[in-house]
């Protein structure tokens, strides 16, 4: 038996408003405009970038607290001027920049953007791994 609404599902529990279901803009257009805000292209890789970058900050601070030195000259300038807060702002500013660049590039060259963020995660993984190695090597030293 029909209710008079053409879009109402006969077997569903939810009443229909007579409107078509809302779909993502990303599925209705193949290429968003420059000022459109589509879904993020690589959210899982962005989470990995955020994770390894956070590890880098935490492990670097641990090493500095124990008498180590920052070897990145730009990061050293930031840390010397603004301490931990500056290091956090600097690192997350860089992360934000990389994500924005990847999203913009992905609009015209998705494969290049994918390789860029993948390479960014890979490169950002080296400092935390090296920091763990340094902490293990110097774990027995007393300061």
C-alpha atoms as a PDB file:
ATOM      1  CA  UNK A   1       0.000   0.000   0.000  1.00  0.00           C
ATOM      2  CA  UNK A   2       1.415   3.388  -1.003  1.00  0.00           C
ATOM      3  CA  UNK A   3       1.525   6.408   1.287  1.00  0.00           C
ATOM      4  CA  UNK A   4       1.432   8.908  -1.550  1.00  0.00           C
ATOM      5  CA  UNK A   5       5.084   9.870  -1.187  1.00  0.00           C
ATOM      6  CA  UNK A   6       7.142   8.683  -4.165  1.00  0.00           C
ATOM      7  CA  UNK A   7      10.447   8.626  -2.247  1.00  0.00           C
ATOM      8  CA  UNK A   8       9.238   6.778   0.832  1.00  0.00           C
ATOM      9  CA  UNK A   9      10.771   3.354   1.397  1.00  0.00           C
ATOM     10  CA  UNK A  10       8.010   0.781   1.703  1.00  0.00           C
ATOM     11  CA  UNK A  11       9.929  -1.470   4.113  1.00  0.00           C
ATOM     12  CA  UNK A  12      11.849   1.081   6.193  1.00  0.00           C
ATOM     13  CA  UNK A  13      11.128   2.262   9.702  1.00  0.00           C
ATOM     14  CA  UNK A  14      12.156   5.882   9.057  1.00  0.00           C
ATOM     15  CA  UNK A  15       9.705   8.237   7.350  1.00  0.00           C
ATOM     16  CA  UNK A  16      10.966   9.959   4.219  1.00  0.00           C
ATOM     17  CA  UNK A  17      10.947  13.733   3.868  1.00  0.00           C
ATOM     18  CA  UNK A  18      10.400  13.438   0.131  1.00  0.00           C
ATOM     19  CA  UNK A  19      13.967  14.595  -0.530  1.00  0.00           C
ATOM     20  CA  UNK A  20      16.778  12.710  -2.208  1.00  0.00           C
ATOM     21  CA  UNK A  21      19.474  11.391   0.174  1.00  0.00           C
ATOM     22  CA  UNK A  22      22.394  13.707   0.826  1.00  0.00           C
ATOM     23  CA  UNK A  23      25.610  12.549  -0.814  1.00  0.00           C
ATOM     24  CA  UNK A  24      29.147  13.798  -0.575  1.00  0.00           C
ATOM     25  CA  UNK A  25      30.288  16.403  -3.076  1.00  0.00           C
ATOM     26  CA  UNK A  26      33.324  14.230  -3.737  1.00  0.00           C
ATOM     27  CA  UNK A  27      31.088  11.529  -5.224  1.00  0.00           C
ATOM     28  CA  UNK A  28      29.040  13.890  -7.392  1.00  0.00           C
ATOM     29  CA  UNK A  29      31.923  15.827  -8.931  1.00  0.00           C
ATOM     30  CA  UNK A  30      35.132  14.387 -10.237  1.00  0.00           C
ATOM     31  CA  UNK A  31      37.230  17.453  -9.482  1.00  0.00           C
ATOM     32  CA  UNK A  32      36.452  20.011  -6.760  1.00  0.00           C
ATOM     33  CA  UNK A  33      37.031  23.696  -7.335  1.00  0.00           C
ATOM     34  CA  UNK A  34      39.928  25.505  -5.711  1.00  0.00           C
ATOM     35  CA  UNK A  35      37.791  26.961  -2.902  1.00  0.00           C
ATOM     36  CA  UNK A  36      35.594  23.887  -2.349  1.00  0.00           C
ATOM     37  CA  UNK A  37      36.170  21.848   0.799  1.00  0.00           C
ATOM     38  CA  UNK A  38      36.021  18.176  -0.190  1.00  0.00           C
ATOM     39  CA  UNK A  39      36.753  15.216   2.045  1.00  0.00           C
ATOM     40  CA  UNK A  40      40.410  14.792   2.952  1.00  0.00           C
ATOM     41  CA  UNK A  41      42.244  12.541   0.518  1.00  0.00           C
ATOM     42  CA  UNK A  42      44.689  10.693   2.798  1.00  0.00           C
ATOM     43  CA  UNK A  43      43.419  10.872   6.401  1.00  0.00           C
ATOM     44  CA  UNK A  44      45.137   7.653   7.509  1.00  0.00           C
ATOM     45  CA  UNK A  45      48.520   8.887   6.325  1.00  0.00           C
ATOM     46  CA  UNK A  46      47.913  12.246   8.006  1.00  0.00           C
ATOM     47  CA  UNK A  47      47.330  10.421  11.291  1.00  0.00           C
ATOM     48  CA  UNK A  48      50.621   8.545  10.835  1.00  0.00           C
ATOM     49  CA  UNK A  49      52.401  11.849  10.117  1.00  0.00           C
ATOM     50  CA  UNK A  50      50.900  13.348  13.254  1.00  0.00           C
ATOM     51  CA  UNK A  51      51.871  10.264  15.282  1.00  0.00           C
ATOM     52  CA  UNK A  52      55.531  10.090  14.225  1.00  0.00           C
ATOM     53  CA  UNK A  53      55.908  13.865  14.522  1.00  0.00           C
ATOM     54  CA  UNK A  54      54.496  13.770  18.046  1.00  0.00           C
ATOM     55  CA  UNK A  55      56.919  10.985  18.930  1.00  0.00           C
ATOM     56  CA  UNK A  56      59.731  13.113  17.530  1.00  0.00           C
ATOM     57  CA  UNK A  57      58.835  16.037  19.802  1.00  0.00           C
ATOM     58  CA  UNK A  58      58.458  13.865  22.900  1.00  0.00           C
ATOM     59  CA  UNK A  59      61.651  11.876  22.354  1.00  0.00           C
ATOM     60  CA  UNK A  60      63.654  14.978  21.416  1.00  0.00           C
ATOM     61  CA  UNK A  61      62.543  16.685  24.606  1.00  0.00           C
ATOM     62  CA  UNK A  62      63.467  13.619  26.627  1.00  0.00           C
ATOM     63  CA  UNK A  63      66.948  13.586  25.075  1.00  0.00           C
ATOM     64  CA  UNK A  64      67.394  17.335  25.628  1.00  0.00           C
ATOM     65  CA  UNK A  65      66.282  16.968  29.245  1.00  0.00           C
ATOM     66  CA  UNK A  66      68.962  14.317  29.739  1.00  0.00           C
ATOM     67  CA  UNK A  67      71.717  16.561  28.344  1.00  0.00           C
ATOM     68  CA  UNK A  68      71.544  15.767  24.633  1.00  0.00           C
ATOM     69  CA  UNK A  69      71.652  18.324  21.837  1.00  0.00           C
ATOM     70  CA  UNK A  70      69.320  19.129  18.955  1.00  0.00           C
ATOM     71  CA  UNK A  71      71.108  18.447  15.658  1.00  0.00           C
ATOM     72  CA  UNK A  72      68.594  20.173  13.358  1.00  0.00           C
ATOM     73  CA  UNK A  73      69.799  23.798  13.194  1.00  0.00           C
ATOM     74  CA  UNK A  74      66.340  25.265  12.499  1.00  0.00           C
ATOM     75  CA  UNK A  75      64.745  23.281  15.324  1.00  0.00           C
ATOM     76  CA  UNK A  76      67.639  24.292  17.593  1.00  0.00           C
ATOM     77  CA  UNK A  77      66.939  27.972  16.917  1.00  0.00           C
ATOM     78  CA  UNK A  78      63.245  27.473  17.696  1.00  0.00           C
ATOM     79  CA  UNK A  79      63.960  25.490  20.877  1.00  0.00           C
ATOM     80  CA  UNK A  80      66.576  27.990  22.077  1.00  0.00           C
ATOM     81  CA  UNK A  81      64.161  30.887  21.537  1.00  0.00           C
ATOM     82  CA  UNK A  82      60.824  29.407  22.652  1.00  0.00           C
ATOM     83  CA  UNK A  83      61.553  26.088  24.436  1.00  0.00           C
ATOM     84  CA  UNK A  84      59.065  23.227  24.289  1.00  0.00           C
ATOM     85  CA  UNK A  85      56.079  25.382  23.338  1.00  0.00           C
ATOM     86  CA  UNK A  86      57.978  26.731  20.354  1.00  0.00           C
ATOM     87  CA  UNK A  87      59.053  23.247  19.300  1.00  0.00           C
ATOM     88  CA  UNK A  88      55.450  22.045  19.418  1.00  0.00           C
ATOM     89  CA  UNK A  89      54.131  25.023  17.436  1.00  0.00           C
ATOM     90  CA  UNK A  90      56.948  24.711  14.903  1.00  0.00           C
ATOM     91  CA  UNK A  91      56.397  20.974  14.391  1.00  0.00           C
ATOM     92  CA  UNK A  92      52.614  21.186  14.111  1.00  0.00           C
ATOM     93  CA  UNK A  93      52.896  24.203  11.819  1.00  0.00           C
ATOM     94  CA  UNK A  94      55.030  22.075   9.513  1.00  0.00           C
ATOM     95  CA  UNK A  95      52.513  19.230   9.700  1.00  0.00           C
ATOM     96  CA  UNK A  96      49.672  21.593   8.825  1.00  0.00           C
ATOM     97  CA  UNK A  97      51.668  22.972   5.898  1.00  0.00           C
ATOM     98  CA  UNK A  98      52.380  19.466   4.540  1.00  0.00           C
ATOM     99  CA  UNK A  99      48.724  18.423   4.837  1.00  0.00           C
ATOM    100  CA  UNK A 100      47.500  21.574   3.076  1.00  0.00           C
ATOM    101  CA  UNK A 101      50.049  21.125   0.287  1.00  0.00           C
ATOM    102  CA  UNK A 102      49.035  17.476  -0.150  1.00  0.00           C
ATOM    103  CA  UNK A 103      45.347  18.367  -0.293  1.00  0.00           C
ATOM    104  CA  UNK A 104      45.913  21.134  -2.857  1.00  0.00           C
ATOM    105  CA  UNK A 105      48.215  18.993  -4.997  1.00  0.00           C
ATOM    106  CA  UNK A 106      45.759  16.066  -4.794  1.00  0.00           C
ATOM    107  CA  UNK A 107      43.148  18.143  -6.624  1.00  0.00           C
ATOM    108  CA  UNK A 108      45.226  18.111  -9.795  1.00  0.00           C
ATOM    109  CA  UNK A 109      47.801  15.322  -9.252  1.00  0.00           C
ATOM    110  CA  UNK A 110      46.469  12.766  -6.746  1.00  0.00           C
ATOM    111  CA  UNK A 111      49.290  10.276  -7.316  1.00  0.00           C
ATOM    112  CA  UNK A 112      51.946  12.934  -6.679  1.00  0.00           C
ATOM    113  CA  UNK A 113      50.155  14.012  -3.486  1.00  0.00           C
ATOM    114  CA  UNK A 114      49.954  10.402  -2.301  1.00  0.00           C
ATOM    115  CA  UNK A 115      53.683   9.930  -2.880  1.00  0.00           C
ATOM    116  CA  UNK A 116      54.399  13.240  -1.137  1.00  0.00           C
ATOM    117  CA  UNK A 117      52.532  12.340   2.056  1.00  0.00           C
ATOM    118  CA  UNK A 118      53.856   8.780   2.022  1.00  0.00           C
ATOM    119  CA  UNK A 119      57.406  10.111   1.674  1.00  0.00           C
ATOM    120  CA  UNK A 120      56.687  12.668   4.418  1.00  0.00           C
ATOM    121  CA  UNK A 121      55.616   9.931   6.825  1.00  0.00           C
ATOM    122  CA  UNK A 122      58.656   7.843   5.914  1.00  0.00           C
ATOM    123  CA  UNK A 123      61.122  10.708   6.410  1.00  0.00           C
ATOM    124  CA  UNK A 124      59.402  11.835   9.619  1.00  0.00           C
ATOM    125  CA  UNK A 125      59.780   8.311  11.011  1.00  0.00           C
ATOM    126  CA  UNK A 126      63.582   8.414  11.048  1.00  0.00           C
ATOM    127  CA  UNK A 127      64.118  10.921  13.921  1.00  0.00           C
ATOM    128  CA  UNK A 128      61.958   8.989  16.424  1.00  0.00           C
ATOM    129  CA  UNK A 129      63.616   5.707  15.470  1.00  0.00           C
ATOM    130  CA  UNK A 130      67.075   7.278  15.851  1.00  0.00           C
ATOM    131  CA  UNK A 131      66.028   8.867  19.158  1.00  0.00           C
ATOM    132  CA  UNK A 132      65.015   5.465  20.518  1.00  0.00           C
ATOM    133  CA  UNK A 133      68.379   4.046  19.407  1.00  0.00           C
ATOM    134  CA  UNK A 134      70.192   6.905  21.187  1.00  0.00           C
ATOM    135  CA  UNK A 135      68.133   6.449  24.344  1.00  0.00           C
ATOM    136  CA  UNK A 136      68.912   2.716  24.380  1.00  0.00           C
ATOM    137  CA  UNK A 137      72.623   3.291  23.728  1.00  0.00           C
ATOM    138  CA  UNK A 138      72.879   5.828  26.557  1.00  0.00           C
ATOM    139  CA  UNK A 139      70.420   4.265  28.977  1.00  0.00           C
ATOM    140  CA  UNK A 140      73.132   3.180  31.430  1.00  0.00           C
ATOM    141  CA  UNK A 141      74.841   6.572  31.634  1.00  0.00           C
ATOM    142  CA  UNK A 142      74.375   8.691  34.749  1.00  0.00           C
ATOM    143  CA  UNK A 143      74.154  12.456  34.352  1.00  0.00           C
END
